[in-house]
Amino acid sequence: MVRYDLRHLHEDFLGRMNELLDEKVRPGEVAIFLFEVISNGKEHFDSVQKSADAIKERGDELLNSLKFNEVDWTIVVRKKQ
């Protein structure tokens, strides 16, 4: 299991998440991604839906998606075999 903190990318984390899944995560391995859901002081959960859609589109398995704290979200993904 590997963990990647993408909070510093703010709303632009999806490209890096896909890059990490392509290049760093082995088939069958579980990865945890942490990203922000706060933009300009307001919660924007469209990033959560976009991440779930991206994982589904890739054919990977979304194992969990949950609020980590007041500003961050965590998704747990198993890369397809």
Protein backbone atom coordinates (compact mmCIF):
# COMPACT_ATOMS: atom_id res chain seq x y z
CA MET A 1 0.00 0.00 0.00
CA VAL A 2 1.28 3.43 -0.93
CA ARG A 3 0.06 6.90 0.07
CA TYR A 4 0.25 10.06 -2.00
CA ASP A 5 -0.45 13.55 -0.68
CA LEU A 6 -1.85 15.66 -3.54
CA ARG A 7 -3.17 18.51 -1.38
CA HIS A 8 -0.52 20.91 -2.64
CA LEU A 9 -2.03 20.61 -6.15
CA HIS A 10 -5.39 21.95 -4.93
CA GLU A 11 -8.03 21.38 -7.68
CA ASP A 12 -5.44 20.21 -10.24
CA PHE A 13 -4.67 16.84 -8.67
CA LEU A 14 -6.32 14.48 -11.19
CA GLY A 15 -3.52 14.54 -13.74
CA ARG A 16 -0.93 13.71 -11.10
CA MET A 17 -3.15 11.00 -9.60
CA ASN A 18 -3.43 9.32 -13.01
CA GLU A 19 0.31 9.71 -13.59
CA LEU A 20 1.08 8.04 -10.26
CA LEU A 21 -1.33 5.20 -10.98
CA ASP A 22 0.29 4.69 -14.39
CA GLU A 23 3.92 4.94 -13.31
CA LYS A 24 4.29 4.18 -9.59
CA VAL A 25 1.46 1.88 -8.49
CA ARG A 26 1.84 -1.79 -9.38
CA PRO A 27 -1.09 -3.83 -10.72
CA GLY A 28 -3.18 -5.12 -7.81
CA GLU A 29 -1.57 -2.66 -5.37
CA VAL A 30 -3.68 -0.35 -3.20
CA ALA A 31 -2.97 3.39 -3.22
CA ILE A 32 -4.30 6.11 -0.96
CA PHE A 33 -4.69 9.60 -2.40
CA LEU A 34 -5.24 12.68 -0.25
CA PHE A 35 -6.58 15.86 -1.87
CA GLU A 36 -8.37 19.09 -0.93
CA VAL A 37 -12.12 19.70 -1.20
CA ILE A 38 -11.88 23.34 -0.12
CA SER A 39 -11.47 26.11 -2.70
CA ASN A 40 -11.70 29.81 -1.86
CA GLY A 41 -12.89 28.90 1.62
CA LYS A 42 -15.84 26.77 0.44
CA GLU A 43 -16.28 23.02 0.12
CA HIS A 44 -16.39 21.84 -3.48
CA PHE A 45 -17.22 18.17 -3.68
CA ASP A 46 -17.05 18.06 -7.47
CA SER A 47 -13.40 16.98 -7.02
CA VAL A 48 -14.69 13.89 -5.19
CA GLN A 49 -17.00 12.98 -8.06
CA LYS A 50 -14.30 13.71 -10.65
CA SER A 51 -11.85 11.43 -8.85
CA ALA A 52 -14.42 8.61 -8.65
CA ASP A 53 -15.25 9.04 -12.35
CA ALA A 54 -11.54 9.01 -13.27
CA ILE A 55 -10.95 5.78 -11.33
CA LYS A 56 -13.95 4.10 -12.95
CA GLU A 57 -12.87 5.28 -16.40
CA ARG A 58 -9.41 3.79 -15.85
CA GLY A 59 -10.93 0.45 -14.87
CA ASP A 60 -9.40 0.58 -11.40
CA GLU A 61 -11.40 -0.18 -8.25
CA LEU A 62 -12.44 2.57 -5.83
CA LEU A 63 -12.33 0.87 -2.43
CA ASN A 64 -13.19 3.84 -0.22
CA SER A 65 -13.85 7.56 -0.39
CA LEU A 66 -14.15 9.61 2.79
CA LYS A 67 -13.67 13.00 4.34
CA PHE A 68 -10.31 13.05 6.09
CA ASN A 69 -10.76 16.29 8.03
CA GLU A 70 -12.41 19.68 7.48
CA VAL A 71 -10.62 20.43 4.19
CA ASP A 72 -9.26 17.14 2.84
CA TRP A 73 -10.63 14.01 1.20
CA THR A 74 -9.11 10.54 0.92
CA ILE A 75 -9.73 7.90 -1.72
CA VAL A 76 -8.43 4.35 -1.64
CA VAL A 77 -7.86 2.72 -5.02
CA ARG A 78 -6.80 -0.75 -6.13
CA LYS A 79 -5.04 -0.65 -9.49
CA LYS A 80 -6.41 -3.13 -11.99
CA GLN A 81 -4.42 -6.31 -12.48
